[in-house]
N, C-alpha and C. Protein backbone atom coordinates (compact mmCIF):
# COMPACT_ATOMS: atom_id res chain seq x y z
N MET A 1 14.98 -11.77 9.48
CA MET A 1 13.70 -11.83 8.32
C MET A 1 14.59 -13.16 6.87
N SER A 2 14.71 -13.76 6.39
CA SER A 2 14.84 -14.76 5.43
C SER A 2 15.26 -13.82 4.33
N HIS A 3 15.60 -14.38 3.34
CA HIS A 3 15.46 -12.83 2.45
C HIS A 3 14.45 -13.71 1.16
N LYS A 4 13.37 -14.95 1.41
CA LYS A 4 12.31 -15.31 0.90
C LYS A 4 11.05 -14.24 1.94
N GLU A 5 11.21 -14.20 3.10
CA GLU A 5 10.02 -13.63 4.02
C GLU A 5 10.66 -11.70 3.30
N ARG A 6 11.89 -11.67 3.03
CA ARG A 6 11.51 -10.45 2.34
C ARG A 6 10.74 -10.01 1.77
N ILE A 7 11.26 -10.79 0.21
CA ILE A 7 9.95 -10.67 -1.25
C ILE A 7 9.10 -10.67 -0.92
N ALA A 8 8.36 -11.64 0.27
CA ALA A 8 7.14 -11.43 0.23
C ALA A 8 6.26 -10.30 0.88
N GLN A 9 7.60 -10.36 1.96
CA GLN A 9 6.67 -8.52 2.74
C GLN A 9 6.35 -7.66 1.75
N ARG A 10 7.49 -7.29 0.69
CA ARG A 10 7.20 -6.36 -0.26
C ARG A 10 6.41 -6.58 -1.24
N ALA A 11 6.04 -8.30 -1.09
CA ALA A 11 5.36 -7.98 -2.30
C ALA A 11 3.84 -7.73 -2.03
N ALA A 12 3.95 -7.71 -0.93
CA ALA A 12 2.75 -7.69 -0.39
C ALA A 12 2.10 -5.72 0.27
N GLU A 13 2.75 -5.39 -0.21
CA GLU A 13 2.99 -4.24 -0.35
C GLU A 13 2.72 -3.22 -1.51
N GLU A 14 2.57 -4.04 -2.33
CA GLU A 14 1.59 -3.87 -3.60
C GLU A 14 -0.06 -4.55 -4.06
N LEU A 15 -0.03 -4.67 -2.88
CA LEU A 15 -1.81 -5.30 -3.40
C LEU A 15 -2.68 -4.16 -2.09
N SER A 16 -3.86 -4.08 -3.38
CA SER A 16 -4.64 -3.28 -2.85
C SER A 16 -5.40 -3.91 -1.50
N PRO A 17 -6.46 -3.35 -0.83
CA PRO A 17 -7.26 -3.47 0.16
C PRO A 17 -8.28 -3.83 -0.92
N SER A 18 -9.09 -5.28 -0.24
CA SER A 18 -10.84 -5.93 -1.24
C SER A 18 -10.27 -6.65 -2.50
N SER A 19 -8.75 -6.80 -2.82
CA SER A 19 -8.33 -7.07 -3.65
C SER A 19 -9.31 -9.28 -4.06
N ILE A 20 -8.71 -9.62 -5.27
CA ILE A 20 -9.02 -11.07 -5.00
C ILE A 20 -7.71 -11.76 -5.47
N ILE A 21 -6.82 -12.08 -4.59
CA ILE A 21 -5.63 -12.66 -5.26
C ILE A 21 -4.94 -13.96 -5.40
N ASN A 22 -4.81 -14.19 -6.12
CA ASN A 22 -4.10 -15.76 -5.90
C ASN A 22 -2.41 -16.07 -6.00
N LEU A 23 -2.50 -16.46 -4.80
CA LEU A 23 -1.13 -17.07 -4.68
C LEU A 23 -0.28 -18.21 -4.70
N GLY A 24 0.41 -17.91 -5.82
CA GLY A 24 1.51 -19.12 -6.22
C GLY A 24 2.08 -20.40 -4.95
N ILE A 25 3.13 -21.59 -5.91
CA ILE A 25 3.26 -21.95 -4.48
C ILE A 25 4.65 -21.42 -4.41
N GLY A 26 5.23 -21.64 -3.02
CA GLY A 26 7.14 -20.77 -2.63
C GLY A 26 6.91 -20.13 -2.05
N ILE A 27 7.71 -18.76 -2.57
CA ILE A 27 7.72 -17.82 -1.78
C ILE A 27 6.24 -16.76 -1.80
N PRO A 28 5.46 -16.81 -3.27
CA PRO A 28 4.13 -16.17 -3.28
C PRO A 28 3.18 -16.68 -1.82
N THR A 29 3.46 -17.94 -1.66
CA THR A 29 2.27 -18.33 -0.36
C THR A 29 2.66 -17.75 0.87
N LEU A 30 4.18 -16.93 0.92
CA LEU A 30 4.56 -16.55 2.24
C LEU A 30 3.73 -14.86 2.05
N VAL A 31 2.95 -14.62 1.31
CA VAL A 31 3.07 -12.90 1.40
C VAL A 31 1.46 -12.78 1.88
N ALA A 32 0.62 -13.56 2.47
CA ALA A 32 -0.33 -13.73 3.35
C ALA A 32 0.17 -13.49 4.81
N ASN A 33 1.68 -13.65 4.93
CA ASN A 33 1.69 -13.77 6.32
C ASN A 33 1.47 -12.13 6.62
N TYR A 34 1.45 -11.49 5.61
CA TYR A 34 2.01 -9.89 5.42
C TYR A 34 0.99 -9.36 5.20
N LEU A 35 -0.68 -9.88 5.59
CA LEU A 35 -1.85 -9.10 4.94
C LEU A 35 -2.78 -9.27 5.51
N ASP A 36 -3.01 -8.11 5.91
CA ASP A 36 -4.72 -8.23 6.92
C ASP A 36 -5.44 -8.97 6.30
N LYS A 37 -5.54 -10.26 6.95
CA LYS A 37 -6.28 -11.32 6.36
C LYS A 37 -7.67 -10.62 5.86
N GLU A 38 -8.54 -10.50 6.68
CA GLU A 38 -9.76 -9.59 6.81
C GLU A 38 -10.00 -8.78 5.75
N GLN A 39 -9.05 -7.69 4.84
CA GLN A 39 -8.87 -6.88 4.07
C GLN A 39 -8.47 -7.34 3.05
N TYR A 40 -8.15 -8.44 2.48
CA TYR A 40 -7.99 -9.38 1.51
C TYR A 40 -8.36 -10.74 1.10
N ILE A 41 -9.04 -10.93 -0.12
CA ILE A 41 -9.62 -12.06 -0.70
C ILE A 41 -8.72 -12.84 -1.00
N MET A 42 -8.00 -14.51 -0.77
CA MET A 42 -7.75 -15.25 -1.91
C MET A 42 -8.14 -16.55 -2.24
N HIS A 43 -7.84 -16.11 -3.42
CA HIS A 43 -8.44 -17.10 -4.50
C HIS A 43 -7.53 -18.78 -4.77
N THR A 44 -7.60 -19.65 -4.78
CA THR A 44 -7.04 -20.99 -5.20
C THR A 44 -7.84 -21.71 -6.33
N GLU A 45 -7.39 -21.57 -7.55
CA GLU A 45 -7.73 -21.79 -8.48
C GLU A 45 -8.29 -23.98 -8.35
N ASN A 46 -8.15 -24.40 -7.35
CA ASN A 46 -8.80 -25.69 -7.32
C ASN A 46 -10.02 -25.71 -6.80
N GLY A 47 -10.83 -24.31 -6.54
CA GLY A 47 -12.17 -23.98 -6.34
C GLY A 47 -12.67 -24.06 -4.76
N MET A 48 -11.85 -22.58 -4.58
CA MET A 48 -11.98 -22.17 -3.21
C MET A 48 -11.63 -20.62 -2.89
N LEU A 49 -12.87 -19.30 -2.63
CA LEU A 49 -12.46 -18.41 -2.60
C LEU A 49 -12.98 -17.84 -1.05
N GLY A 50 -11.60 -17.12 -0.48
CA GLY A 50 -12.31 -17.22 0.73
C GLY A 50 -10.80 -17.89 1.69
N VAL A 51 -9.33 -18.07 0.97
CA VAL A 51 -8.86 -19.22 2.01
C VAL A 51 -7.94 -18.01 2.92
N THR A 52 -7.51 -19.02 4.27
CA THR A 52 -6.76 -18.26 5.37
C THR A 52 -6.02 -19.24 5.45
N SER A 53 -5.02 -18.82 6.33
CA SER A 53 -3.87 -19.78 7.03
C SER A 53 -4.82 -20.81 8.33
N VAL A 54 -4.14 -21.61 8.59
CA VAL A 54 -4.99 -22.58 9.68
C VAL A 54 -4.11 -23.01 10.49
N GLU A 55 -4.32 -23.33 11.78
CA GLU A 55 -3.61 -23.89 12.59
C GLU A 55 -3.36 -25.42 12.34
N GLU A 56 -2.55 -26.04 12.79
CA GLU A 56 -1.82 -27.50 12.73
C GLU A 56 -2.89 -28.37 13.06
N GLU A 57 -3.53 -27.82 14.62
CA GLU A 57 -4.13 -28.54 15.25
C GLU A 57 -5.71 -28.46 14.57
N ASN A 58 -6.30 -27.46 13.94
CA ASN A 58 -7.39 -27.21 13.05
C ASN A 58 -7.60 -27.68 11.60
N ILE A 59 -6.57 -28.55 11.52
CA ILE A 59 -6.25 -28.97 9.59
C ILE A 59 -7.50 -29.99 9.41
N ASP A 60 -8.30 -29.51 8.24
CA ASP A 60 -8.97 -30.56 7.48
C ASP A 60 -8.29 -31.48 6.68
N PRO A 61 -7.52 -32.23 6.58
CA PRO A 61 -6.96 -33.00 5.85
C PRO A 61 -7.38 -32.16 4.23
N LEU A 62 -8.83 -32.07 4.03
CA LEU A 62 -10.02 -32.63 2.26
C LEU A 62 -10.10 -30.84 2.26
N ILE A 63 -9.13 -30.07 3.06
CA ILE A 63 -9.22 -28.46 2.34
C ILE A 63 -7.94 -27.97 2.31
N VAL A 64 -7.46 -27.88 0.71
CA VAL A 64 -6.06 -27.79 0.40
C VAL A 64 -5.83 -26.74 -0.29
N ASN A 65 -5.39 -26.33 -0.32
CA ASN A 65 -5.17 -24.99 -2.33
C ASN A 65 -4.16 -25.80 -2.94
N ALA A 66 -4.04 -25.53 -4.41
CA ALA A 66 -3.57 -26.00 -5.21
C ALA A 66 -2.36 -26.72 -4.87
N GLY A 67 -1.67 -25.81 -4.50
CA GLY A 67 0.09 -27.10 -3.92
C GLY A 67 -0.62 -27.99 -2.84
N LYS A 68 -1.53 -28.52 -2.76
CA LYS A 68 -2.23 -29.50 -1.98
C LYS A 68 -2.16 -29.11 -0.43
N GLN A 69 -1.57 -27.94 0.23
CA GLN A 69 -1.02 -27.50 1.59
C GLN A 69 -2.44 -26.90 2.10
N PRO A 70 -2.25 -27.44 3.51
CA PRO A 70 -3.85 -27.19 4.24
C PRO A 70 -3.60 -26.13 4.30
N VAL A 71 -5.28 -25.62 4.32
CA VAL A 71 -5.58 -24.06 4.37
C VAL A 71 -6.50 -24.00 5.09
N GLY A 72 -7.40 -22.95 5.21
CA GLY A 72 -8.16 -22.59 6.34
C GLY A 72 -9.05 -21.64 5.52
N GLU A 73 -10.88 -21.43 6.26
CA GLU A 73 -11.63 -20.58 5.62
C GLU A 73 -11.88 -19.53 6.55
N ALA A 74 -12.30 -18.39 5.39
CA ALA A 74 -12.58 -17.19 5.88
C ALA A 74 -14.02 -16.86 5.79
N VAL A 75 -14.06 -16.16 6.88
CA VAL A 75 -15.65 -16.21 7.26
C VAL A 75 -16.01 -15.32 5.46
N GLY A 76 -17.57 -16.48 5.11
CA GLY A 76 -18.21 -16.49 3.66
C GLY A 76 -17.49 -16.87 2.90
N ALA A 77 -16.38 -17.51 3.21
CA ALA A 77 -15.90 -18.77 2.35
C ALA A 77 -16.49 -19.40 0.88
N SER A 78 -16.54 -19.78 -0.52
CA SER A 78 -17.11 -20.15 -0.84
C SER A 78 -15.96 -21.35 -2.02
N TYR A 79 -17.15 -22.26 -2.16
CA TYR A 79 -16.47 -23.61 -2.84
C TYR A 79 -16.77 -23.89 -4.09
N PHE A 80 -16.73 -24.22 -5.11
CA PHE A 80 -16.65 -24.25 -6.61
C PHE A 80 -15.75 -25.36 -7.31
N ASP A 81 -17.16 -25.54 -8.42
CA ASP A 81 -16.17 -26.75 -9.51
C ASP A 81 -14.77 -25.96 -9.66
N SER A 82 -13.95 -26.98 -11.03
CA SER A 82 -12.85 -26.66 -11.32
C SER A 82 -12.91 -25.14 -12.38
N ALA A 83 -14.11 -26.06 -13.19
CA ALA A 83 -14.56 -25.06 -14.49
C ALA A 83 -14.93 -23.56 -13.94
N ALA A 84 -15.78 -23.49 -12.91
CA ALA A 84 -16.23 -22.27 -12.30
C ALA A 84 -15.05 -21.06 -11.28
N SER A 85 -13.95 -22.25 -10.93
CA SER A 85 -12.71 -21.07 -10.29
C SER A 85 -12.03 -20.60 -12.01
N PHE A 86 -11.65 -22.21 -12.91
CA PHE A 86 -11.01 -21.22 -14.06
C PHE A 86 -11.70 -20.33 -15.19
N ALA A 87 -12.90 -20.65 -14.72
CA ALA A 87 -13.63 -18.77 -15.82
C ALA A 87 -13.63 -17.50 -14.92
N MET A 88 -13.58 -17.73 -13.58
CA MET A 88 -13.43 -16.91 -13.11
C MET A 88 -12.30 -16.11 -13.16
N ILE A 89 -10.96 -16.93 -13.59
CA ILE A 89 -9.47 -17.08 -13.94
C ILE A 89 -9.45 -15.80 -15.35
N ARG A 90 -10.09 -17.06 -16.34
CA ARG A 90 -9.79 -16.41 -17.44
C ARG A 90 -10.95 -15.32 -17.82
N GLY A 91 -11.96 -14.98 -17.00
CA GLY A 91 -12.84 -13.84 -17.06
C GLY A 91 -12.38 -12.61 -16.31
N SER A 92 -11.07 -12.62 -15.97
CA SER A 92 -10.48 -11.35 -15.34
C SER A 92 -11.10 -10.63 -14.24
N HIS A 93 -11.63 -11.80 -13.29
CA HIS A 93 -12.18 -11.73 -11.94
C HIS A 93 -11.30 -11.60 -10.99
N VAL A 94 -10.04 -11.95 -11.09
CA VAL A 94 -9.00 -12.55 -10.29
C VAL A 94 -7.90 -11.04 -10.80
N ASP A 95 -7.72 -10.82 -9.17
CA ASP A 95 -7.06 -8.61 -9.84
C ASP A 95 -5.82 -8.80 -9.89
N VAL A 96 -5.21 -9.99 -8.70
CA VAL A 96 -3.78 -9.93 -8.55
C VAL A 96 -3.23 -11.36 -8.66
N ALA A 97 -2.40 -11.91 -9.95
CA ALA A 97 -1.15 -13.21 -8.87
C ALA A 97 0.01 -13.01 -8.91
N ILE A 98 0.20 -13.49 -7.96
CA ILE A 98 1.75 -13.49 -7.63
C ILE A 98 2.59 -14.71 -7.75
N LEU A 99 3.30 -15.37 -8.16
CA LEU A 99 3.15 -15.90 -8.79
C LEU A 99 5.34 -15.95 -8.85
N GLY A 100 5.85 -17.71 -8.93
CA GLY A 100 7.59 -17.32 -9.09
C GLY A 100 7.72 -17.50 -10.37
N ALA A 101 8.95 -18.28 -10.38
CA ALA A 101 9.49 -17.97 -11.67
C ALA A 101 10.27 -18.62 -11.85
N LEU A 102 11.36 -19.81 -13.23
CA LEU A 102 12.16 -19.88 -13.15
C LEU A 102 13.25 -18.55 -13.81
N GLN A 103 12.61 -18.36 -15.26
CA GLN A 103 13.51 -17.19 -15.63
C GLN A 103 12.04 -16.23 -15.92
N VAL A 104 12.25 -14.71 -16.16
CA VAL A 104 12.26 -13.79 -16.87
C VAL A 104 12.93 -12.81 -18.34
N ASP A 105 12.37 -12.28 -18.91
CA ASP A 105 13.12 -11.67 -19.61
C ASP A 105 12.60 -10.30 -20.18
N SER A 106 13.24 -9.61 -20.91
CA SER A 106 13.69 -8.22 -21.27
C SER A 106 11.95 -8.22 -21.25
N GLU A 107 11.49 -9.05 -21.93
CA GLU A 107 9.96 -8.28 -23.25
C GLU A 107 9.11 -8.97 -21.98
N GLY A 108 8.94 -9.63 -20.77
CA GLY A 108 8.23 -9.58 -19.73
C GLY A 108 8.35 -10.93 -19.40
N LEU A 109 8.11 -11.82 -20.52
CA LEU A 109 8.02 -13.37 -20.51
C LEU A 109 8.45 -14.14 -19.25
N VAL A 110 7.64 -15.12 -18.78
CA VAL A 110 7.86 -15.58 -17.47
C VAL A 110 7.71 -16.71 -18.33
N ALA A 111 8.93 -17.67 -17.44
CA ALA A 111 9.32 -19.10 -18.00
C ALA A 111 9.19 -19.86 -16.33
N ASN A 112 8.30 -20.49 -16.33
CA ASN A 112 7.63 -21.28 -14.73
C ASN A 112 6.89 -22.53 -14.89
N TRP A 113 7.30 -23.52 -15.87
CA TRP A 113 6.57 -24.55 -15.65
C TRP A 113 7.52 -25.90 -16.27
N ALA A 114 8.39 -25.62 -16.62
CA ALA A 114 9.50 -26.51 -17.33
C ALA A 114 10.75 -26.65 -17.60
N ILE A 115 12.06 -27.54 -17.30
CA ILE A 115 13.45 -27.55 -17.60
C ILE A 115 13.51 -28.33 -18.34
N PRO A 116 13.74 -28.07 -19.58
CA PRO A 116 14.37 -28.85 -20.77
C PRO A 116 15.73 -29.91 -20.08
N GLY A 117 14.55 -30.99 -20.23
CA GLY A 117 15.65 -32.63 -19.53
C GLY A 117 15.58 -32.85 -18.37
N LYS A 118 14.55 -31.69 -17.51
CA LYS A 118 14.23 -32.84 -15.92
C LYS A 118 12.87 -32.71 -16.17
N ASN A 119 12.37 -33.50 -15.02
CA ASN A 119 11.33 -34.03 -15.25
C ASN A 119 10.38 -33.29 -13.85
N ILE A 120 9.52 -32.26 -13.78
CA ILE A 120 9.10 -31.26 -13.00
C ILE A 120 7.55 -31.33 -13.52
N ILE A 121 6.74 -32.12 -12.91
CA ILE A 121 5.39 -32.62 -13.04
C ILE A 121 4.60 -31.47 -11.82
N GLY A 122 3.37 -31.19 -13.06
CA GLY A 122 2.80 -29.36 -12.29
C GLY A 122 2.47 -28.36 -12.74
N VAL A 123 2.17 -27.88 -13.90
CA VAL A 123 2.07 -26.92 -14.56
C VAL A 123 1.14 -26.09 -13.37
N GLY A 124 -0.22 -26.54 -13.41
CA GLY A 124 -1.03 -25.92 -12.31
C GLY A 124 -1.73 -24.89 -12.88
N GLY A 125 -2.09 -23.65 -12.66
CA GLY A 125 -2.69 -22.84 -13.01
C GLY A 125 -1.65 -21.59 -13.80
N ALA A 126 -0.93 -21.91 -13.79
CA ALA A 126 -0.11 -20.16 -13.76
C ALA A 126 -0.01 -20.25 -15.60
N MET A 127 -0.42 -20.78 -16.38
CA MET A 127 -0.73 -20.37 -18.12
C MET A 127 -2.09 -19.28 -17.81
N ASP A 128 -3.42 -20.08 -17.08
CA ASP A 128 -3.93 -19.46 -17.22
C ASP A 128 -4.02 -18.18 -16.07
N LEU A 129 -3.51 -17.95 -15.11
CA LEU A 129 -3.27 -16.72 -14.73
C LEU A 129 -2.53 -15.62 -14.88
N LEU A 130 -1.56 -16.19 -15.82
CA LEU A 130 -0.70 -15.46 -16.41
C LEU A 130 -1.12 -14.44 -17.50
N VAL A 131 -2.30 -15.50 -18.02
CA VAL A 131 -3.55 -14.71 -18.77
C VAL A 131 -4.73 -13.61 -18.74
N GLY A 132 -4.96 -14.22 -17.27
CA GLY A 132 -6.13 -13.79 -16.89
C GLY A 132 -5.97 -12.81 -15.60
N ALA A 133 -5.45 -13.02 -15.26
CA ALA A 133 -5.18 -11.72 -13.96
C ALA A 133 -4.94 -10.13 -14.28
N LYS A 134 -5.39 -9.46 -13.43
CA LYS A 134 -5.88 -8.11 -13.95
C LYS A 134 -4.17 -7.48 -14.05
N LYS A 135 -3.46 -8.15 -12.80
CA LYS A 135 -1.95 -7.95 -12.33
C LYS A 135 -1.25 -9.07 -12.19
N ILE A 136 0.28 -9.27 -12.74
CA ILE A 136 0.90 -10.05 -12.56
C ILE A 136 2.06 -9.72 -11.76
N ILE A 137 2.52 -10.15 -10.41
CA ILE A 137 3.87 -9.75 -9.41
C ILE A 137 4.64 -11.31 -9.62
N ILE A 138 5.90 -10.90 -9.81
CA ILE A 138 6.68 -12.13 -9.66
C ILE A 138 7.42 -12.13 -8.44
N THR A 139 7.57 -13.65 -8.16
CA THR A 139 8.59 -13.18 -6.36
C THR A 139 9.59 -14.27 -6.82
N THR A 140 10.79 -14.17 -6.80
CA THR A 140 11.58 -15.03 -7.51
C THR A 140 13.38 -14.34 -6.79
N ASN A 141 13.53 -15.75 -6.11
CA ASN A 141 15.27 -14.91 -6.02
C ASN A 141 15.72 -14.96 -7.15
N HIS A 142 17.14 -14.36 -6.87
CA HIS A 142 17.47 -12.81 -7.95
C HIS A 142 18.07 -14.29 -9.07
N VAL A 143 19.12 -14.49 -8.23
CA VAL A 143 19.93 -15.97 -9.24
C VAL A 143 19.17 -17.47 -9.06
N ALA A 144 19.68 -18.27 -9.33
CA ALA A 144 19.28 -19.48 -9.53
C ALA A 144 20.21 -20.32 -8.52
N LYS A 145 19.90 -21.44 -8.14
CA LYS A 145 21.22 -22.03 -7.06
C LYS A 145 22.60 -22.22 -7.94
N ASP A 146 22.90 -22.54 -9.08
CA ASP A 146 24.09 -22.17 -9.44
C ASP A 146 24.97 -21.07 -10.19
N GLY A 147 24.16 -19.91 -9.76
CA GLY A 147 24.41 -18.68 -9.86
C GLY A 147 23.83 -18.09 -10.96
N SER A 148 23.44 -18.82 -11.65
CA SER A 148 23.06 -17.99 -12.90
C SER A 148 21.90 -17.44 -12.70
N ALA A 149 21.93 -15.95 -13.62
CA ALA A 149 21.20 -15.21 -13.48
C ALA A 149 19.31 -15.78 -13.95
N LYS A 150 18.50 -15.37 -13.30
CA LYS A 150 17.22 -15.57 -13.24
C LYS A 150 16.54 -14.72 -14.07
N LEU A 151 16.73 -13.39 -13.96
CA LEU A 151 16.33 -12.19 -15.36
C LEU A 151 17.09 -12.23 -16.53
N VAL A 152 17.03 -12.91 -17.35
CA VAL A 152 17.75 -13.15 -18.37
C VAL A 152 17.28 -11.78 -19.63
N GLN A 153 18.13 -12.07 -20.58
CA GLN A 153 17.87 -10.77 -21.78
C GLN A 153 16.60 -11.78 -22.94
N GLU A 154 16.66 -13.44 -22.74
CA GLU A 154 15.24 -14.07 -23.43
C GLU A 154 15.31 -15.28 -23.05
N CYS A 155 14.48 -15.83 -22.76
CA CYS A 155 13.65 -17.11 -21.91
C CYS A 155 14.51 -18.27 -22.35
N GLU A 156 15.58 -18.97 -21.81
CA GLU A 156 15.32 -20.46 -22.83
C GLU A 156 14.93 -21.45 -21.80
N TYR A 157 14.43 -21.76 -21.09
CA TYR A 157 12.83 -22.36 -20.97
C TYR A 157 11.54 -22.33 -21.39
N PRO A 158 11.07 -23.16 -21.80
CA PRO A 158 9.60 -22.52 -22.60
C PRO A 158 8.69 -21.87 -22.06
N ILE A 159 8.22 -20.97 -21.83
CA ILE A 159 7.83 -19.63 -21.69
C ILE A 159 6.13 -20.29 -20.92
N THR A 160 5.58 -19.82 -20.46
CA THR A 160 4.21 -19.63 -19.55
C THR A 160 3.10 -19.49 -20.65
N SER A 161 3.52 -18.17 -20.89
CA SER A 161 2.40 -17.32 -21.49
C SER A 161 3.21 -16.01 -22.56
N ARG A 162 2.10 -15.38 -23.27
CA ARG A 162 2.74 -14.63 -24.34
C ARG A 162 2.39 -12.90 -22.88
N ARG A 163 1.62 -12.99 -22.45
CA ARG A 163 1.76 -11.92 -21.24
C ARG A 163 2.80 -11.63 -20.62
N ARG A 164 2.88 -10.22 -20.07
CA ARG A 164 4.15 -10.34 -19.51
C ARG A 164 4.01 -9.51 -18.46
N ALA A 165 4.57 -9.93 -17.13
CA ALA A 165 4.94 -9.65 -15.89
C ALA A 165 4.98 -7.85 -15.31
N ASP A 166 3.96 -7.81 -14.32
CA ASP A 166 3.54 -6.14 -14.59
C ASP A 166 4.61 -5.93 -13.75
N VAL A 167 5.02 -6.80 -12.02
CA VAL A 167 6.20 -6.22 -11.71
C VAL A 167 6.93 -7.92 -10.99
N ILE A 168 8.42 -7.25 -10.57
CA ILE A 168 9.15 -8.30 -10.31
C ILE A 168 9.78 -8.11 -9.23
N ILE A 169 9.74 -8.41 -8.48
CA ILE A 169 10.96 -8.50 -6.86
C ILE A 169 11.22 -9.53 -6.48
N THR A 170 12.31 -9.41 -6.16
CA THR A 170 13.44 -10.36 -5.83
C THR A 170 13.94 -9.85 -4.50
N ASP A 171 15.48 -10.59 -4.07
CA ASP A 171 16.00 -10.88 -3.17
C ASP A 171 16.87 -9.16 -3.27
N LEU A 172 16.85 -8.79 -4.57
CA LEU A 172 18.06 -7.62 -5.03
C LEU A 172 17.73 -6.22 -4.84
N ALA A 173 16.06 -7.08 -5.80
CA ALA A 173 15.49 -5.67 -6.44
C ALA A 173 14.28 -5.21 -6.69
N VAL A 174 13.52 -4.63 -7.18
CA VAL A 174 12.00 -4.45 -7.52
C VAL A 174 12.35 -3.81 -8.54
N PHE A 175 11.27 -4.43 -9.72
CA PHE A 175 11.65 -3.84 -11.12
C PHE A 175 10.16 -3.92 -11.36
N HIS A 176 9.65 -2.96 -11.97
CA HIS A 176 8.44 -2.23 -12.52
C HIS A 176 8.23 -2.39 -14.29
N TRP A 177 6.96 -2.82 -14.91
CA TRP A 177 6.85 -2.36 -16.08
C TRP A 177 6.48 -0.82 -16.46
N ARG A 178 7.47 -0.39 -17.41
CA ARG A 178 6.96 0.96 -17.39
C ARG A 178 7.18 1.60 -19.09
N ASP A 179 6.72 2.38 -19.83
CA ASP A 179 7.01 2.60 -20.87
C ASP A 179 7.84 1.71 -21.83
N GLU A 180 6.98 0.44 -22.16
CA GLU A 180 7.84 -0.16 -22.57
C GLU A 180 9.32 -1.13 -22.67
N GLY A 181 9.52 -1.09 -20.83
CA GLY A 181 10.33 -2.31 -20.51
C GLY A 181 10.05 -1.71 -19.24
N TYR A 182 11.24 -2.43 -18.51
CA TYR A 182 11.91 -2.54 -16.75
C TYR A 182 12.27 -1.77 -16.44
N GLU A 183 11.56 -0.91 -15.68
CA GLU A 183 12.44 -0.03 -14.90
C GLU A 183 12.82 -0.78 -13.23
N LEU A 184 14.49 -0.42 -13.08
CA LEU A 184 14.50 -0.52 -11.25
C LEU A 184 13.94 0.38 -10.64
N THR A 185 13.11 0.28 -9.96
CA THR A 185 12.36 0.88 -9.15
C THR A 185 12.64 1.40 -7.77
N GLU A 186 13.46 -0.18 -7.21
CA GLU A 186 13.80 0.20 -5.69
C GLU A 186 14.88 -1.03 -5.49
N VAL A 187 16.07 -0.69 -4.66
CA VAL A 187 17.17 -1.69 -4.20
C VAL A 187 17.05 -2.02 -2.91
N MET A 188 16.71 -3.64 -2.95
CA MET A 188 16.47 -4.36 -1.34
C MET A 188 17.55 -4.14 -0.73
N GLU A 189 17.09 -4.08 0.73
CA GLU A 189 18.35 -3.59 1.86
C GLU A 189 19.45 -4.98 1.72
N GLY A 190 20.38 -4.38 1.71
CA GLY A 190 21.70 -4.85 1.99
C GLY A 190 22.16 -5.22 0.35
N SER A 191 21.63 -4.78 -0.63
CA SER A 191 22.16 -4.99 -2.44
C SER A 191 22.27 -3.67 -2.26
N ASN A 192 22.54 -3.45 -3.42
CA ASN A 192 23.67 -2.23 -4.33
C ASN A 192 23.54 -2.29 -6.08
N ILE A 193 23.29 -1.41 -7.04
CA ILE A 193 23.28 -0.62 -8.31
C ILE A 193 24.14 -1.88 -8.63
N GLU A 194 25.43 -2.09 -7.94
CA GLU A 194 26.56 -2.59 -8.96
C GLU A 194 26.17 -4.41 -8.73
N GLU A 195 25.52 -4.78 -7.62
CA GLU A 195 25.52 -5.86 -7.49
C GLU A 195 24.43 -6.35 -8.64
N ILE A 196 23.13 -5.51 -8.04
CA ILE A 196 22.19 -5.76 -9.24
C ILE A 196 22.71 -5.84 -10.68
N LYS A 197 23.23 -5.26 -11.16
CA LYS A 197 23.92 -4.71 -12.55
C LYS A 197 24.66 -6.04 -12.81
N ALA A 198 25.44 -6.68 -12.09
CA ALA A 198 26.52 -7.69 -12.50
C ALA A 198 25.95 -9.38 -12.52
N LYS A 199 24.45 -9.26 -11.71
CA LYS A 199 24.03 -10.75 -11.24
C LYS A 199 22.16 -10.36 -12.20
N THR A 200 22.10 -9.05 -13.44
CA THR A 200 21.06 -9.33 -13.87
C THR A 200 21.43 -9.09 -15.54
N LYS A 201 20.54 -10.08 -16.45
CA LYS A 201 21.10 -10.16 -18.27
C LYS A 201 19.83 -9.16 -18.65
N LEU A 202 18.65 -9.74 -17.86
CA LEU A 202 17.45 -8.39 -17.97
C LEU A 202 17.61 -7.04 -18.67
N SER A 203 17.06 -6.55 -19.40
CA SER A 203 17.41 -5.16 -20.01
C SER A 203 16.42 -4.29 -18.88
N TYR A 204 17.23 -3.03 -18.27
CA TYR A 204 16.10 -2.61 -17.98
C TYR A 204 16.88 -0.96 -17.58
N ARG A 205 16.48 -0.04 -17.31
CA ARG A 205 16.98 1.18 -16.46
C ARG A 205 16.50 1.74 -15.23
N VAL A 206 17.19 2.43 -14.24
CA VAL A 206 17.03 2.50 -13.35
C VAL A 206 16.29 3.88 -12.90
N HIS A 207 15.69 3.59 -12.13
CA HIS A 207 14.69 4.96 -12.32
C HIS A 207 15.65 6.08 -10.99
N PRO A 208 15.94 7.20 -10.53
CA PRO A 208 16.83 8.07 -9.64
C PRO A 208 15.89 7.73 -7.88
N SER A 209 15.17 7.37 -8.06
CA SER A 209 15.01 7.05 -6.77
C SER A 209 15.35 5.96 -5.91
N ALA A 210 16.19 5.21 -7.16
CA ALA A 210 16.60 3.61 -7.45
C ALA A 210 17.43 3.91 -6.57
N MET A 211 18.86 4.75 -7.14
CA MET A 211 19.70 5.22 -6.83
C MET A 211 19.69 5.87 -5.51
N GLN A 212 18.75 6.72 -5.50
CA GLN A 212 18.63 6.90 -3.57
C GLN A 212 18.64 6.73 -2.56
N LYS A 213 18.10 5.66 -3.05
CA LYS A 213 17.59 4.53 -1.78
C LYS A 213 18.60 3.36 -1.19
N GLU A 214 19.57 3.18 -2.44
CA GLU A 214 20.56 2.33 -2.52
C GLU A 214 21.43 2.81 -1.71
N GLY A 215 21.91 3.56 -1.21
CA GLY A 215 22.93 4.11 -0.13
C GLY A 215 22.27 4.10 1.36
């Protein structure tokens, strides 16, 4: 299993049956592979509730998610315009949003839509989801391709929202926001406390159970 699949599998464990869930592009999309699709309701901000995966031979080019990837229809799926879809998000009718991130800082703020000096197109619905979804789960590699920390003391990139992320899941660790700060609650397989400490600039506490799981 790749590290991205491990992150997605761990993120699926954070979800409750019957939840309405919005998955961002990249690692979040993989979370659907670890869910009983009959027990969860997938939302996409371009206007569909009841998203499922689709076999290649059954792809309809007119049915895509917000990332323009082909998707399928669950039994009872419904369609609506973007205004209704964003009203659902802004009205807190989406239970969980799972998003990627360029950076997350010690205040829980997320940067995931722009890198200064680089032309990245596609803000998408992240700004609305960060504000409107009841729970925010960030799934990301622990460090960037150049080895720099993605969990930082303060975001250097433009933040997406003033709303903080509730959970951060990386290939090395799981952090939960508790008592006004992040707490390291789990060490992912193949990692250890020292590696996490060396690659994390974000402030956090270590829960005793996380230290026990390390070995």
